[in-house]
Amino acid sequence: SLGSAKGFSPRISAGYRINDLRFAVDYTRYKNYKAPSTDFKLYSIGASAIYDFDTQSPVKPYLGARLSLNRASVDLGGSDSFSQTSTGLGVLAGVSYAVTPNVDLD
């Protein structure tokens, strides 16, 4: 059996909006991958800057960038384990929907 990583990977994010620009911090805990005698875990914290294009409607396209700190660890059973921390830079693009004047779903 190869194992699996099926399931939900939650991300929590909070931020602040200044006109069409949003700043946010987030934490993600990715679903653990488990196989016989192996356990893989990945966590990430990040900061984003996002520009919302004003469409005069609740639906708005956006572009942004995210800087992250990522931690991966592998437990191979017994006393064998490995972990590494690295930084990442990513580009964000998508569409958000304004549920209320202060809450958007991305």
N, C-alpha and C. Protein backbone atom coordinates (compact mmCIF):
# COMPACT_ATOMS: atom_id res chain seq x y z
N SER A 1 0.85 -1.19 0.00
CA SER A 1 0.00 0.00 0.00
C SER A 1 0.89 1.25 0.00
N LEU A 2 0.56 2.21 -0.84
CA LEU A 2 1.35 3.43 -0.95
C LEU A 2 0.99 4.48 0.09
N GLY A 3 -0.11 4.33 0.78
CA GLY A 3 -0.52 5.35 1.74
C GLY A 3 -1.39 6.40 1.08
N SER A 4 -1.79 7.39 1.86
CA SER A 4 -2.66 8.42 1.28
C SER A 4 -2.54 9.72 2.04
N ALA A 5 -3.03 10.78 1.40
CA ALA A 5 -3.08 12.10 2.01
C ALA A 5 -4.43 12.74 1.75
N LYS A 6 -5.48 11.93 1.66
CA LYS A 6 -6.82 12.45 1.41
C LYS A 6 -7.30 13.25 2.61
N GLY A 7 -8.03 14.32 2.35
CA GLY A 7 -8.60 15.08 3.44
C GLY A 7 -8.51 16.57 3.24
N PHE A 8 -8.78 17.29 4.28
CA PHE A 8 -8.89 18.73 4.29
C PHE A 8 -7.59 19.35 4.79
N SER A 9 -7.10 20.38 4.12
CA SER A 9 -5.91 21.11 4.56
C SER A 9 -6.32 22.53 4.92
N PRO A 10 -6.57 22.80 6.19
CA PRO A 10 -7.09 24.12 6.58
C PRO A 10 -6.04 25.23 6.50
N ARG A 11 -6.50 26.40 6.11
CA ARG A 11 -5.68 27.62 6.12
C ARG A 11 -6.51 28.69 6.83
N ILE A 12 -5.88 29.37 7.77
CA ILE A 12 -6.54 30.49 8.43
C ILE A 12 -5.77 31.75 8.06
N SER A 13 -6.51 32.79 7.75
CA SER A 13 -5.89 34.03 7.29
C SER A 13 -6.63 35.22 7.87
N ALA A 14 -5.89 36.25 8.21
CA ALA A 14 -6.49 37.50 8.69
C ALA A 14 -5.71 38.65 8.08
N GLY A 15 -6.42 39.73 7.81
CA GLY A 15 -5.72 40.83 7.15
C GLY A 15 -6.40 42.16 7.34
N TYR A 16 -5.89 43.12 6.60
CA TYR A 16 -6.36 44.50 6.68
C TYR A 16 -6.43 45.07 5.28
N ARG A 17 -7.50 45.80 4.99
CA ARG A 17 -7.69 46.41 3.67
C ARG A 17 -7.51 47.92 3.76
N ILE A 18 -6.77 48.47 2.78
CA ILE A 18 -6.64 49.91 2.60
C ILE A 18 -7.04 50.19 1.15
N ASN A 19 -8.25 50.70 0.95
CA ASN A 19 -8.81 50.92 -0.38
C ASN A 19 -8.80 49.61 -1.17
N ASP A 20 -8.08 49.53 -2.29
CA ASP A 20 -8.07 48.32 -3.11
C ASP A 20 -6.89 47.39 -2.80
N LEU A 21 -6.15 47.67 -1.73
CA LEU A 21 -4.98 46.88 -1.37
C LEU A 21 -5.23 46.15 -0.05
N ARG A 22 -4.96 44.84 -0.04
CA ARG A 22 -5.11 44.03 1.17
C ARG A 22 -3.76 43.50 1.60
N PHE A 23 -3.57 43.41 2.91
CA PHE A 23 -2.40 42.78 3.51
C PHE A 23 -2.92 41.68 4.43
N ALA A 24 -2.30 40.51 4.37
CA ALA A 24 -2.79 39.38 5.17
C ALA A 24 -1.63 38.53 5.66
N VAL A 25 -1.87 37.85 6.79
CA VAL A 25 -0.97 36.82 7.29
C VAL A 25 -1.79 35.53 7.38
N ASP A 26 -1.13 34.40 7.20
CA ASP A 26 -1.87 33.14 7.20
C ASP A 26 -1.03 32.00 7.78
N TYR A 27 -1.73 30.95 8.15
CA TYR A 27 -1.11 29.71 8.63
C TYR A 27 -1.83 28.55 7.94
N THR A 28 -1.07 27.64 7.39
CA THR A 28 -1.63 26.47 6.72
C THR A 28 -1.01 25.21 7.31
N ARG A 29 -1.85 24.26 7.61
CA ARG A 29 -1.40 22.92 8.03
C ARG A 29 -1.91 21.96 6.97
N TYR A 30 -1.00 21.48 6.13
CA TYR A 30 -1.39 20.58 5.06
C TYR A 30 -1.66 19.19 5.61
N LYS A 31 -2.53 18.48 4.94
CA LYS A 31 -2.90 17.13 5.36
C LYS A 31 -1.66 16.25 5.42
N ASN A 32 -1.51 15.51 6.51
CA ASN A 32 -0.38 14.59 6.68
C ASN A 32 -0.46 13.45 5.67
N TYR A 33 0.69 13.05 5.17
CA TYR A 33 0.79 11.88 4.30
C TYR A 33 1.31 10.73 5.14
N LYS A 34 0.57 9.65 5.14
CA LYS A 34 0.99 8.49 5.94
C LYS A 34 1.09 7.26 5.04
N ALA A 35 2.16 6.54 5.22
CA ALA A 35 2.38 5.25 4.56
C ALA A 35 2.99 4.34 5.62
N PRO A 36 3.08 3.05 5.36
CA PRO A 36 3.69 2.17 6.36
C PRO A 36 5.07 2.67 6.79
N SER A 37 5.23 2.90 8.07
CA SER A 37 6.49 3.35 8.69
C SER A 37 6.94 4.72 8.23
N THR A 38 6.05 5.54 7.64
CA THR A 38 6.42 6.88 7.17
C THR A 38 5.32 7.88 7.52
N ASP A 39 5.73 9.04 8.00
CA ASP A 39 4.78 10.12 8.31
C ASP A 39 5.39 11.42 7.80
N PHE A 40 4.69 12.11 6.89
CA PHE A 40 5.18 13.36 6.30
C PHE A 40 4.24 14.48 6.71
N LYS A 41 4.81 15.59 7.23
CA LYS A 41 4.02 16.75 7.66
C LYS A 41 4.56 18.01 7.02
N LEU A 42 3.66 18.94 6.67
CA LEU A 42 4.05 20.21 6.07
C LEU A 42 3.20 21.32 6.65
N TYR A 43 3.87 22.38 7.12
CA TYR A 43 3.22 23.56 7.69
C TYR A 43 3.76 24.79 6.98
N SER A 44 2.97 25.86 6.93
CA SER A 44 3.42 27.08 6.27
C SER A 44 2.80 28.30 6.95
N ILE A 45 3.61 29.34 7.13
CA ILE A 45 3.09 30.64 7.54
C ILE A 45 3.50 31.62 6.45
N GLY A 46 2.66 32.63 6.22
CA GLY A 46 2.97 33.54 5.13
C GLY A 46 2.38 34.92 5.33
N ALA A 47 2.86 35.83 4.50
CA ALA A 47 2.35 37.20 4.45
C ALA A 47 2.09 37.54 2.99
N SER A 48 0.96 38.20 2.74
CA SER A 48 0.56 38.51 1.37
C SER A 48 0.22 39.98 1.22
N ALA A 49 0.44 40.48 0.01
CA ALA A 49 -0.05 41.79 -0.42
C ALA A 49 -0.88 41.52 -1.67
N ILE A 50 -2.13 41.99 -1.66
CA ILE A 50 -3.08 41.66 -2.73
C ILE A 50 -3.76 42.93 -3.21
N TYR A 51 -3.82 43.10 -4.53
CA TYR A 51 -4.52 44.24 -5.13
C TYR A 51 -5.84 43.75 -5.72
N ASP A 52 -6.95 44.35 -5.28
CA ASP A 52 -8.28 44.05 -5.80
C ASP A 52 -8.64 45.03 -6.90
N PHE A 53 -9.06 44.52 -8.05
CA PHE A 53 -9.51 45.38 -9.14
C PHE A 53 -10.97 45.74 -8.90
N ASP A 54 -11.26 47.03 -8.79
CA ASP A 54 -12.62 47.51 -8.48
C ASP A 54 -13.52 47.34 -9.69
N THR A 55 -14.51 46.47 -9.57
CA THR A 55 -15.47 46.21 -10.64
C THR A 55 -16.84 46.80 -10.34
N GLN A 56 -16.96 47.51 -9.22
CA GLN A 56 -18.25 48.06 -8.78
C GLN A 56 -19.30 46.97 -8.57
N SER A 57 -18.84 45.77 -8.21
CA SER A 57 -19.74 44.66 -7.91
C SER A 57 -19.11 43.83 -6.80
N PRO A 58 -19.86 42.89 -6.21
CA PRO A 58 -19.29 42.05 -5.15
C PRO A 58 -18.18 41.12 -5.64
N VAL A 59 -18.13 40.84 -6.94
CA VAL A 59 -17.12 39.95 -7.51
C VAL A 59 -15.96 40.79 -8.03
N LYS A 60 -14.74 40.50 -7.51
CA LYS A 60 -13.56 41.28 -7.89
C LYS A 60 -12.37 40.37 -8.18
N PRO A 61 -11.74 40.53 -9.35
CA PRO A 61 -10.49 39.81 -9.59
C PRO A 61 -9.37 40.44 -8.77
N TYR A 62 -8.35 39.63 -8.46
CA TYR A 62 -7.22 40.15 -7.69
C TYR A 62 -5.90 39.55 -8.17
N LEU A 63 -4.82 40.28 -7.89
CA LEU A 63 -3.44 39.83 -8.11
C LEU A 63 -2.65 40.13 -6.85
N GLY A 64 -1.68 39.30 -6.54
CA GLY A 64 -0.89 39.55 -5.35
C GLY A 64 0.38 38.73 -5.30
N ALA A 65 1.08 38.88 -4.20
CA ALA A 65 2.31 38.13 -3.95
C ALA A 65 2.29 37.64 -2.51
N ARG A 66 2.93 36.48 -2.27
CA ARG A 66 2.98 35.88 -0.94
C ARG A 66 4.41 35.44 -0.64
N LEU A 67 4.88 35.79 0.53
CA LEU A 67 6.17 35.35 1.05
C LEU A 67 5.87 34.38 2.19
N SER A 68 6.52 33.21 2.17
CA SER A 68 6.19 32.20 3.18
C SER A 68 7.43 31.58 3.81
N LEU A 69 7.19 31.00 4.97
CA LEU A 69 8.17 30.18 5.67
C LEU A 69 7.54 28.80 5.81
N ASN A 70 8.18 27.79 5.26
CA ASN A 70 7.61 26.45 5.17
C ASN A 70 8.45 25.45 5.96
N ARG A 71 7.78 24.53 6.63
CA ARG A 71 8.47 23.52 7.44
C ARG A 71 7.95 22.15 7.03
N ALA A 72 8.85 21.30 6.59
CA ALA A 72 8.51 19.93 6.22
C ALA A 72 9.27 18.97 7.13
N SER A 73 8.60 17.91 7.54
CA SER A 73 9.27 16.89 8.35
C SER A 73 8.82 15.50 7.92
N VAL A 74 9.75 14.57 7.97
CA VAL A 74 9.49 13.18 7.62
C VAL A 74 9.98 12.30 8.76
N ASP A 75 9.11 11.43 9.24
CA ASP A 75 9.47 10.44 10.25
C ASP A 75 9.41 9.08 9.56
N LEU A 76 10.56 8.42 9.45
CA LEU A 76 10.65 7.14 8.75
C LEU A 76 10.50 5.95 9.69
N GLY A 77 10.06 6.22 10.89
CA GLY A 77 9.91 5.14 11.86
C GLY A 77 11.20 4.93 12.62
N GLY A 78 11.09 4.44 13.82
CA GLY A 78 12.28 4.24 14.63
C GLY A 78 12.94 5.57 14.95
N SER A 79 14.25 5.66 14.74
CA SER A 79 14.97 6.89 15.07
C SER A 79 15.31 7.72 13.83
N ASP A 80 14.84 7.31 12.65
CA ASP A 80 15.14 8.04 11.42
C ASP A 80 14.11 9.13 11.17
N SER A 81 14.58 10.37 11.10
CA SER A 81 13.69 11.48 10.78
C SER A 81 14.48 12.59 10.10
N PHE A 82 13.77 13.47 9.43
CA PHE A 82 14.38 14.56 8.69
C PHE A 82 13.42 15.73 8.69
N SER A 83 13.94 16.94 8.82
CA SER A 83 13.09 18.12 8.71
C SER A 83 13.88 19.24 8.04
N GLN A 84 13.14 20.12 7.38
CA GLN A 84 13.77 21.25 6.70
C GLN A 84 12.81 22.43 6.70
N THR A 85 13.39 23.62 6.86
CA THR A 85 12.63 24.87 6.80
C THR A 85 13.16 25.67 5.61
N SER A 86 12.24 26.21 4.82
CA SER A 86 12.65 27.00 3.66
C SER A 86 11.69 28.16 3.46
N THR A 87 12.13 29.13 2.70
CA THR A 87 11.27 30.27 2.36
C THR A 87 10.71 30.06 0.96
N GLY A 88 9.60 30.74 0.70
CA GLY A 88 8.98 30.65 -0.61
C GLY A 88 8.41 31.99 -1.02
N LEU A 89 8.30 32.18 -2.32
CA LEU A 89 7.70 33.39 -2.89
C LEU A 89 6.72 32.93 -3.95
N GLY A 90 5.50 33.45 -3.89
CA GLY A 90 4.50 33.02 -4.86
C GLY A 90 3.68 34.18 -5.38
N VAL A 91 3.05 33.94 -6.51
CA VAL A 91 2.15 34.90 -7.13
C VAL A 91 0.73 34.41 -6.91
N LEU A 92 -0.16 35.33 -6.57
CA LEU A 92 -1.56 35.01 -6.33
C LEU A 92 -2.42 35.64 -7.42
N ALA A 93 -3.43 34.93 -7.86
CA ALA A 93 -4.41 35.47 -8.81
C ALA A 93 -5.71 34.74 -8.57
N GLY A 94 -6.81 35.46 -8.66
CA GLY A 94 -8.10 34.82 -8.45
C GLY A 94 -9.22 35.81 -8.46
N VAL A 95 -10.34 35.37 -7.91
CA VAL A 95 -11.54 36.18 -7.82
C VAL A 95 -12.06 36.08 -6.39
N SER A 96 -12.44 37.21 -5.82
CA SER A 96 -13.04 37.21 -4.48
C SER A 96 -14.50 37.64 -4.59
N TYR A 97 -15.27 37.26 -3.58
CA TYR A 97 -16.68 37.63 -3.51
C TYR A 97 -16.93 38.29 -2.17
N ALA A 98 -17.47 39.51 -2.19
CA ALA A 98 -17.75 40.26 -0.96
C ALA A 98 -19.05 39.76 -0.34
N VAL A 99 -18.94 39.04 0.76
CA VAL A 99 -20.11 38.54 1.48
C VAL A 99 -20.75 39.69 2.25
N THR A 100 -19.91 40.50 2.90
CA THR A 100 -20.33 41.72 3.58
C THR A 100 -19.29 42.78 3.23
N PRO A 101 -19.50 44.04 3.63
CA PRO A 101 -18.47 45.05 3.35
C PRO A 101 -17.11 44.74 3.98
N ASN A 102 -17.07 43.89 5.02
CA ASN A 102 -15.81 43.59 5.71
C ASN A 102 -15.34 42.15 5.56
N VAL A 103 -16.06 41.32 4.81
CA VAL A 103 -15.69 39.91 4.67
C VAL A 103 -15.75 39.51 3.20
N ASP A 104 -14.61 38.97 2.69
CA ASP A 104 -14.53 38.46 1.32
C ASP A 104 -14.22 36.97 1.36
N LEU A 105 -14.76 36.23 0.40
CA LEU A 105 -14.39 34.84 0.20
C LEU A 105 -13.51 34.77 -1.03
N ASP A 106 -12.34 34.15 -0.90
CA ASP A 106 -11.41 34.00 -2.03
C ASP A 106 -11.44 32.57 -2.51
